Amino acid sequence: MGALQEINKLIEGTGNSQRPALGNQLMLGPIRERSAVGSSPEEEAEEQPRSQELVIRISSQAAKMGERKVEATVALEYPEEEHDGRRTEKRAAGNTHRTNDQQQNRIQNANRDTSSQHAQPGGLGNSEKRTNSIKSGRTTHRKHKVDHAAAKTATPRAPVTIERPVPTKLDYDRPYMARALEAIDAEHPEGTPGYDNKGYTVLQQHVYFFDRNNDGIIYPWETYAGLRAVGFNVIISFISALLINLALSYATLPYWIPNPLFPIYVSKIHKAKHGSDTGIYDTEGRYVPNKFEELWTKFAKTHKNKMTFKELMGMTAALRVSWDPFGWIANKFEWILTYLLAKDEDGLIHKEKVRGVLDGSLFYQVETARKNKALAKRKLK
């Protein structure tokens, strides 16, 4: 019915009062209707809305020579939208003037008006988007559904994903991006204030404190001296220095022949990265902020930004990967040393102190505090 109304309007526009002396013939071609339902596979792929094309042929008898004909095609769109359970139709058509030239202009305007109409999505809200594209005088509507399941971080079918939630709202710049020079977190988006990274990666900064003569090579006696400087006793420092250099030295050597002095080269410390670790350092020694944040959302159950020793050991157990005994032992050993160094009077290890261990800044702070304390004792004597 909508198409017939449009035809009547066009016919009325060519009334007798405005017809030329010789008269005009308005010949209406067949109305062709296309629908996405029951159409060919090619038309279904384009997801076209129901539309009609009205072909109008205007032939002027005044120009008998050559039977001059003007043919125009008007695409009548019928986008549908949902409203209170009923479907309503929006129809667009062009008006024609009473002369041949004015009719052509009106037909062109109708084409433009029809192409610019936008159909409103029905019933799906923000989960559905429609985009319009003009193809051969027709408006094509495409639907895009947003699947909210793609953003979920936990599922009941894997209870461990509920027990160990990941951070979903980190209010600083690109927490997923690995940082070469600064160990940042939500509280310190610029890294440790006043700390000189010397152009080293965060992993290199972590071990640089133990390079006591700053030559880029850490020997076992330097590791021992560094551990003593932060307060470990002789026995722990000796055993730890031996184990650390023995385990890490060969991976960092710039040559194939083992060195009996077990040096660790700072420039190649990234090669000593082992499995079953936190993933805070990537394979090039950069620092990954969101991995650091994950430790506290997954394993800090008693306090928001603190861990007990039990929680810390639970973390090392959770990080184990299969068939990696070296990584299991190394990870537990490193975190036990970190706990002994950074724990407070209540036996809790703080997020900020762990971050200081990761970039090495805590080592310098502890060493300075111990020196100042020793100096104060001497003055009292």
Protein backbone atom coordinates (compact mmCIF):
# COMPACT_ATOMS: atom_id res chain seq x y z
CA MET A 1 0.00 0.00 0.00
CA GLY A 2 2.85 2.36 0.74
CA ALA A 3 4.17 2.08 -2.80
CA LEU A 4 0.73 2.84 -4.31
CA GLN A 5 0.42 5.99 -2.21
CA GLU A 6 3.75 7.20 -3.53
CA ILE A 7 2.60 6.50 -7.10
CA ASN A 8 -0.56 8.53 -6.53
CA LYS A 9 1.51 11.46 -5.32
CA LEU A 10 3.63 11.32 -8.44
CA ILE A 11 0.55 11.20 -10.67
CA GLU A 12 -1.07 14.12 -8.86
CA GLY A 13 2.10 16.12 -9.52
CA THR A 14 1.34 15.97 -13.24
CA GLY A 15 -2.14 17.54 -13.13
CA ASN A 16 -3.91 18.84 -16.24
CA SER A 17 -3.50 22.47 -15.23
CA GLN A 18 0.26 22.23 -15.51
CA ARG A 19 0.56 19.85 -18.47
CA PRO A 20 2.08 21.17 -21.70
CA ALA A 21 -0.11 21.53 -24.73
CA LEU A 22 0.99 18.25 -26.18
CA GLY A 23 0.65 16.50 -22.81
CA ASN A 24 2.92 14.18 -20.89
CA GLN A 25 2.69 10.47 -20.53
CA LEU A 26 3.57 9.05 -17.13
CA MET A 27 4.38 5.39 -17.54
CA LEU A 28 4.94 3.43 -14.37
CA GLY A 29 7.15 0.41 -14.60
CA PRO A 30 6.63 -2.71 -12.51
CA ILE A 31 7.22 -2.44 -8.79
CA ARG A 32 10.04 -4.77 -7.86
CA GLU A 33 10.19 -5.87 -4.22
CA ARG A 34 13.25 -7.40 -2.63
CA SER A 35 13.31 -9.02 0.79
CA ALA A 36 16.10 -10.70 2.76
CA VAL A 37 13.63 -13.48 3.59
CA GLY A 38 13.50 -16.12 0.96
CA SER A 39 16.02 -14.33 -1.23
CA SER A 40 19.07 -15.72 -2.92
CA PRO A 41 22.23 -16.45 -0.86
CA GLU A 42 23.97 -13.43 -2.41
CA GLU A 43 21.21 -11.10 -1.20
CA GLU A 44 21.10 -12.73 2.23
CA ALA A 45 24.83 -12.14 2.66
CA GLU A 46 24.27 -8.41 2.22
CA GLU A 47 21.59 -8.46 4.99
CA GLN A 48 19.40 -6.02 3.01
CA PRO A 49 16.21 -4.62 4.60
CA ARG A 50 12.93 -4.91 2.70
CA SER A 51 12.90 -2.32 -0.03
CA GLN A 52 11.07 -1.48 -3.23
CA GLU A 53 12.22 0.15 -6.42
CA LEU A 54 9.75 2.25 -8.36
CA VAL A 55 10.83 2.77 -11.95
CA ILE A 56 9.34 5.90 -13.50
CA ARG A 57 9.61 6.57 -17.19
CA ILE A 58 8.59 10.04 -18.33
CA SER A 59 8.18 10.41 -22.04
CA SER A 60 7.50 13.76 -23.64
CA GLN A 61 5.30 13.73 -26.72
CA ALA A 62 6.47 17.25 -27.42
CA ALA A 63 9.81 15.76 -28.47
CA LYS A 64 8.52 13.27 -31.00
CA MET A 65 11.83 13.27 -32.80
CA GLY A 66 13.80 10.47 -31.25
CA GLU A 67 11.20 9.75 -28.54
CA ARG A 68 13.30 11.42 -25.84
CA LYS A 69 12.90 9.52 -22.59
CA VAL A 70 14.02 10.29 -19.08
CA GLU A 71 14.28 7.33 -16.74
CA ALA A 72 14.92 7.52 -13.00
CA THR A 73 14.93 4.95 -10.24
CA VAL A 74 13.75 5.79 -6.74
CA ALA A 75 14.68 3.38 -3.95
CA LEU A 76 11.92 3.34 -1.36
CA GLU A 77 13.26 2.11 1.97
CA TYR A 78 11.07 0.49 4.59
CA PRO A 79 13.34 0.09 7.65
CA GLU A 80 11.52 -1.61 10.47
CA GLU A 81 11.89 -0.97 14.18
CA GLU A 82 10.41 -2.54 17.30
CA HIS A 83 8.00 -0.37 19.36
CA ASP A 84 5.77 -1.83 22.09
CA GLY A 85 5.81 -5.21 20.42
CA ARG A 86 4.59 -3.85 17.09
CA ARG A 87 6.50 -3.20 13.93
CA THR A 88 6.10 0.21 12.36
CA GLU A 89 7.37 1.20 8.97
CA LYS A 90 9.23 4.33 7.95
CA ARG A 91 8.68 5.25 4.36
CA ALA A 92 10.71 7.68 2.33
CA ALA A 93 9.83 8.92 -1.10
CA GLY A 94 10.48 11.93 -3.24
CA ASN A 95 8.00 14.49 -4.43
CA THR A 96 7.92 15.51 -8.03
CA HIS A 97 7.36 18.93 -9.57
CA ARG A 98 4.84 19.51 -12.27
CA THR A 99 7.32 20.07 -15.06
CA ASN A 100 9.72 17.51 -16.45
CA ASP A 101 12.88 19.29 -15.23
CA GLN A 102 11.46 19.82 -11.74
CA GLN A 103 10.38 16.19 -11.57
CA GLN A 104 13.93 15.06 -12.26
CA ASN A 105 15.30 17.30 -9.47
CA ARG A 106 12.73 16.00 -7.01
CA ILE A 107 13.56 12.40 -7.88
CA GLN A 108 17.25 13.04 -7.23
CA ASN A 109 16.41 14.67 -3.88
CA ALA A 110 14.27 11.67 -2.97
CA ASN A 111 17.23 9.39 -3.67
CA ARG A 112 19.45 11.42 -1.36
CA ASP A 113 16.83 11.61 1.41
CA THR A 114 16.20 7.89 1.26
CA SER A 115 19.90 7.04 1.43
CA SER A 116 20.47 9.28 4.46
CA GLN A 117 17.80 7.71 6.67
CA HIS A 118 19.03 5.65 9.62
CA ALA A 119 17.10 2.73 11.01
CA GLN A 120 16.92 2.49 14.79
CA PRO A 121 17.91 -0.79 16.46
CA GLY A 122 15.03 -2.67 18.01
CA GLY A 123 15.04 -4.57 21.27
CA LEU A 124 18.78 -5.19 21.75
CA GLY A 125 19.95 -1.85 23.18
CA ASN A 126 23.69 -1.25 23.27
CA SER A 127 24.49 -4.83 22.39
CA GLU A 128 23.48 -4.16 18.76
CA LYS A 129 25.00 -1.62 16.42
CA ARG A 130 23.80 -0.75 12.94
CA THR A 131 25.91 0.91 10.32
CA ASN A 132 24.58 2.27 7.06
CA SER A 133 26.35 2.06 3.76
CA ILE A 134 25.02 3.26 0.42
CA LYS A 135 25.27 0.72 -2.35
CA SER A 136 23.55 1.26 -5.71
CA GLY A 137 21.03 3.71 -4.28
CA ARG A 138 20.10 1.42 -1.37
CA THR A 139 20.77 1.61 2.35
CA THR A 140 22.39 -1.49 3.85
CA HIS A 141 22.04 -2.18 7.59
CA ARG A 142 24.53 -4.43 9.37
CA LYS A 143 24.15 -5.71 12.92
CA HIS A 144 27.09 -6.13 15.30
CA LYS A 145 26.48 -7.82 18.62
CA VAL A 146 28.80 -7.18 21.57
CA ASP A 147 29.50 -10.43 23.39
CA HIS A 148 30.02 -9.52 27.05
CA ALA A 149 31.37 -13.02 27.77
CA ALA A 150 34.57 -11.98 25.99
CA ALA A 151 35.37 -9.62 28.89
CA LYS A 152 34.82 -12.10 31.72
CA THR A 153 37.83 -13.11 33.83
CA ALA A 154 36.31 -15.99 35.79
CA THR A 155 34.01 -18.94 35.21
CA PRO A 156 32.36 -21.44 37.61
CA ARG A 157 33.63 -24.29 35.47
CA ALA A 158 37.17 -23.37 36.58
CA PRO A 159 36.83 -22.44 40.28
CA VAL A 160 40.48 -21.42 40.45
CA THR A 161 39.67 -18.41 38.26
CA ILE A 162 37.25 -17.26 40.97
CA GLU A 163 39.65 -17.99 43.83
CA ARG A 164 42.44 -16.02 42.15
CA PRO A 165 40.92 -12.93 40.53
CA VAL A 166 42.95 -10.72 38.24
CA PRO A 167 42.89 -6.91 38.41
CA THR A 168 40.33 -5.45 36.03
CA LYS A 169 40.62 -1.73 36.79
CA LEU A 170 44.15 -0.34 36.89
CA ASP A 171 44.04 3.43 36.83
CA TYR A 172 47.33 4.20 35.12
CA ASP A 173 48.72 4.27 31.62
CA ARG A 174 48.86 0.90 29.82
CA PRO A 175 49.52 -1.50 32.71
CA TYR A 176 49.82 -4.36 30.24
CA MET A 177 52.89 -2.81 28.58
CA ALA A 178 56.30 -4.00 29.80
CA ARG A 179 58.55 -1.22 31.12
CA ALA A 180 62.28 -1.31 30.53
CA LEU A 181 63.44 1.24 33.12
CA GLU A 182 60.80 1.77 35.80
CA ALA A 183 58.96 -0.60 38.15
CA ILE A 184 55.58 1.09 38.29
CA ASP A 185 52.32 0.22 40.02
CA ALA A 186 48.98 1.86 40.79
CA GLU A 187 50.49 3.84 43.66
CA HIS A 188 53.68 4.77 41.79
CA PRO A 189 52.82 5.29 38.10
CA GLU A 190 56.22 6.96 37.53
CA GLY A 191 58.31 4.39 39.39
CA THR A 192 60.38 4.92 42.53
CA PRO A 193 60.74 8.67 43.22
CA GLY A 194 64.34 9.90 43.17
CA TYR A 195 65.78 6.51 42.20
CA ASP A 196 68.44 6.52 39.47
CA ASN A 197 67.91 3.61 37.10
CA LYS A 198 71.27 4.30 35.36
CA GLY A 199 69.72 3.21 32.07
CA TYR A 200 69.52 -0.45 33.15
CA THR A 201 66.48 -2.65 32.73
CA VAL A 202 64.47 -3.35 35.87
CA LEU A 203 65.97 -6.86 36.11
CA GLN A 204 69.48 -5.43 35.78
CA GLN A 205 68.65 -2.90 38.50
CA HIS A 206 67.55 -5.80 40.70
CA VAL A 207 71.04 -7.34 40.64
CA TYR A 208 73.16 -4.23 40.14
CA PHE A 209 73.32 -3.58 43.89
CA PHE A 210 75.47 -6.70 44.26
CA ASP A 211 78.03 -5.45 41.73
CA ARG A 212 80.03 -3.82 44.48
CA ASN A 213 82.81 -2.44 42.25
CA ASN A 214 80.46 -1.44 39.39
CA ASP A 215 82.35 -3.33 36.68
CA GLY A 216 79.30 -5.15 35.30
CA ILE A 217 80.34 -8.53 36.75
CA ILE A 218 79.12 -10.00 40.04
CA TYR A 219 81.40 -12.56 41.68
CA PRO A 220 80.34 -14.77 44.61
CA TRP A 221 82.22 -12.64 47.15
CA GLU A 222 80.36 -9.57 45.88
CA THR A 223 77.04 -11.35 46.30
CA TYR A 224 78.09 -12.24 49.82
CA ALA A 225 79.05 -8.61 50.59
CA GLY A 226 75.73 -7.36 49.25
CA LEU A 227 73.73 -9.79 51.37
CA ARG A 228 75.70 -8.78 54.44
CA ALA A 229 75.09 -5.11 53.65
CA VAL A 230 71.31 -5.58 53.85
CA GLY A 231 71.46 -7.44 57.16
CA PHE A 232 71.72 -11.17 56.49
CA ASN A 233 74.00 -13.10 58.82
CA VAL A 234 77.21 -14.81 57.79
CA ILE A 235 75.75 -18.28 57.31
CA ILE A 236 72.77 -17.23 55.21
CA SER A 237 74.94 -14.85 53.17
CA PHE A 238 77.59 -17.50 52.46
CA ILE A 239 75.16 -20.25 51.45
CA SER A 240 73.00 -17.88 49.41
CA ALA A 241 75.95 -16.35 47.55
CA LEU A 242 77.24 -19.80 46.64
CA LEU A 243 73.86 -21.04 45.41
CA ILE A 244 72.99 -17.87 43.49
CA ASN A 245 76.25 -17.63 41.54
CA LEU A 246 76.44 -21.36 40.97
CA ALA A 247 72.90 -21.43 39.53
CA LEU A 248 72.98 -18.25 37.45
CA SER A 249 76.58 -17.80 36.31
CA TYR A 250 76.80 -20.05 33.26
CA ALA A 251 73.60 -18.73 31.64
CA THR A 252 75.00 -15.18 31.66
CA LEU A 253 78.50 -15.92 30.37
CA PRO A 254 79.39 -14.35 27.00
CA TYR A 255 81.35 -17.51 26.11
CA TRP A 256 80.75 -21.26 26.11
CA ILE A 257 83.51 -22.40 28.46
CA PRO A 258 82.40 -22.36 32.13
CA ASN A 259 84.23 -20.02 34.47
CA PRO A 260 85.30 -21.63 37.79
CA LEU A 261 84.86 -18.27 39.55
CA PHE A 262 81.14 -18.32 38.70
CA PRO A 263 80.74 -14.68 37.67
CA ILE A 264 77.34 -13.24 36.77
CA TYR A 265 77.33 -10.75 33.89
CA VAL A 266 74.82 -7.97 34.50
CA SER A 267 74.35 -7.28 30.78
CA LYS A 268 73.09 -10.84 30.20
CA ILE A 269 71.15 -11.42 33.40
CA HIS A 270 67.93 -11.88 31.38
CA LYS A 271 69.31 -15.23 30.19
CA ALA A 272 69.21 -16.50 33.77
CA LYS A 273 65.42 -16.15 34.01
CA HIS A 274 63.93 -19.44 35.21
CA GLY A 275 60.53 -21.08 35.04
CA SER A 276 57.77 -21.22 37.67
CA ASP A 277 58.32 -17.53 38.44
CA THR A 278 55.84 -14.66 38.69
CA GLY A 279 56.28 -13.41 35.13
CA ILE A 280 56.91 -9.88 36.43
CA TYR A 281 60.15 -9.85 34.45
CA ASP A 282 59.78 -10.73 30.79
CA THR A 283 62.41 -12.65 28.84
CA GLU A 284 64.34 -9.46 28.10
CA GLY A 285 64.37 -8.21 31.70
CA ARG A 286 61.57 -5.69 31.37
CA TYR A 287 59.00 -5.17 34.11
CA VAL A 288 55.34 -6.09 33.45
CA PRO A 289 53.09 -3.98 35.73
CA ASN A 290 49.88 -6.00 35.51
CA LYS A 291 51.75 -9.18 36.49
CA PHE A 292 52.91 -7.44 39.64
CA GLU A 293 49.35 -6.30 40.40
CA GLU A 294 48.10 -9.86 39.91
CA LEU A 295 50.14 -11.09 42.88
CA TRP A 296 48.06 -9.00 45.24
CA THR A 297 44.62 -9.65 43.79
CA LYS A 298 45.26 -13.39 43.55
CA PHE A 299 47.13 -14.20 46.74
CA ALA A 300 46.78 -11.35 49.28
CA LYS A 301 43.63 -12.62 51.00
CA THR A 302 44.12 -11.35 54.56
CA HIS A 303 45.18 -7.81 53.69
CA LYS A 304 44.78 -5.85 50.48
CA ASN A 305 48.43 -4.98 49.83
CA LYS A 306 50.19 -7.31 52.27
CA MET A 307 50.91 -11.02 52.40
CA THR A 308 51.55 -13.42 55.22
CA PHE A 309 54.30 -16.01 54.95
CA LYS A 310 51.65 -18.69 54.38
CA GLU A 311 50.12 -16.72 51.53
CA LEU A 312 53.57 -16.16 50.06
CA MET A 313 54.32 -19.88 50.05
CA GLY A 314 50.89 -20.54 48.59
CA MET A 315 51.79 -18.14 45.80
CA THR A 316 55.02 -20.00 44.98
CA ALA A 317 53.10 -23.28 44.92
CA ALA A 318 50.47 -21.82 42.59
CA LEU A 319 53.13 -20.56 40.17
CA ARG A 320 54.73 -23.97 39.65
CA VAL A 321 54.70 -25.38 36.14
CA SER A 322 55.07 -29.08 35.41
CA TRP A 323 58.45 -30.78 35.21
CA ASP A 324 60.38 -27.76 36.45
CA PRO A 325 62.08 -28.75 39.74
CA PHE A 326 64.81 -26.14 39.30
CA GLY A 327 62.21 -23.39 38.91
CA TRP A 328 60.22 -24.65 41.91
CA ILE A 329 63.25 -24.54 44.21
CA ALA A 330 64.66 -21.28 42.83
CA ASN A 331 61.33 -19.45 43.15
CA LYS A 332 60.79 -20.53 46.76
CA PHE A 333 64.39 -19.71 47.68
CA GLU A 334 64.15 -16.20 46.21
CA TRP A 335 60.85 -15.40 47.90
CA ILE A 336 62.02 -16.69 51.29
CA LEU A 337 65.01 -14.34 51.10
CA THR A 338 62.69 -11.51 50.04
CA TYR A 339 60.37 -12.22 52.96
CA LEU A 340 63.25 -12.25 55.49
CA LEU A 341 64.48 -8.92 54.13
CA ALA A 342 61.18 -7.06 53.70
CA LYS A 343 58.80 -8.36 56.41
CA ASP A 344 57.50 -5.97 59.05
CA GLU A 345 57.08 -6.45 62.82
CA ASP A 346 53.79 -8.29 62.26
CA GLY A 347 55.35 -10.79 59.88
CA LEU A 348 53.70 -9.27 56.80
CA ILE A 349 55.41 -8.39 53.54
CA HIS A 350 54.21 -5.15 51.94
CA LYS A 351 53.51 -4.53 48.28
CA GLU A 352 55.71 -1.42 48.23
CA LYS A 353 58.71 -3.26 49.67
CA VAL A 354 58.34 -6.08 47.15
CA ARG A 355 58.34 -3.50 44.37
CA GLY A 356 61.51 -2.04 45.90
CA VAL A 357 63.16 -5.46 45.77
CA LEU A 358 62.20 -5.87 42.12
CA ASP A 359 63.93 -2.66 41.01
CA GLY A 360 66.70 -2.90 43.65
CA SER A 361 65.82 0.38 45.35
CA LEU A 362 65.00 -1.34 48.65
CA PHE A 363 68.54 -2.72 48.90
CA TYR A 364 70.01 0.77 48.90
CA GLN A 365 67.40 2.00 51.38
CA VAL A 366 68.12 -0.84 53.80
CA GLU A 367 71.88 -0.41 53.47
CA THR A 368 71.63 3.34 54.11
CA ALA A 369 69.33 2.81 57.10
CA ARG A 370 71.71 0.27 58.61
CA LYS A 371 74.70 2.58 58.13
CA ASN A 372 72.86 5.48 59.74
CA LYS A 373 71.81 3.28 62.64
CA ALA A 374 75.37 2.05 63.17
CA LEU A 375 76.66 5.62 63.00
CA ALA A 376 74.12 6.74 65.60
CA LYS A 377 75.23 3.96 67.94
CA ARG A 378 78.84 5.04 67.63
CA LYS A 379 77.92 8.59 68.51
CA LEU A 380 76.08 7.43 71.62
CA LYS A 381 79.19 5.62 72.79
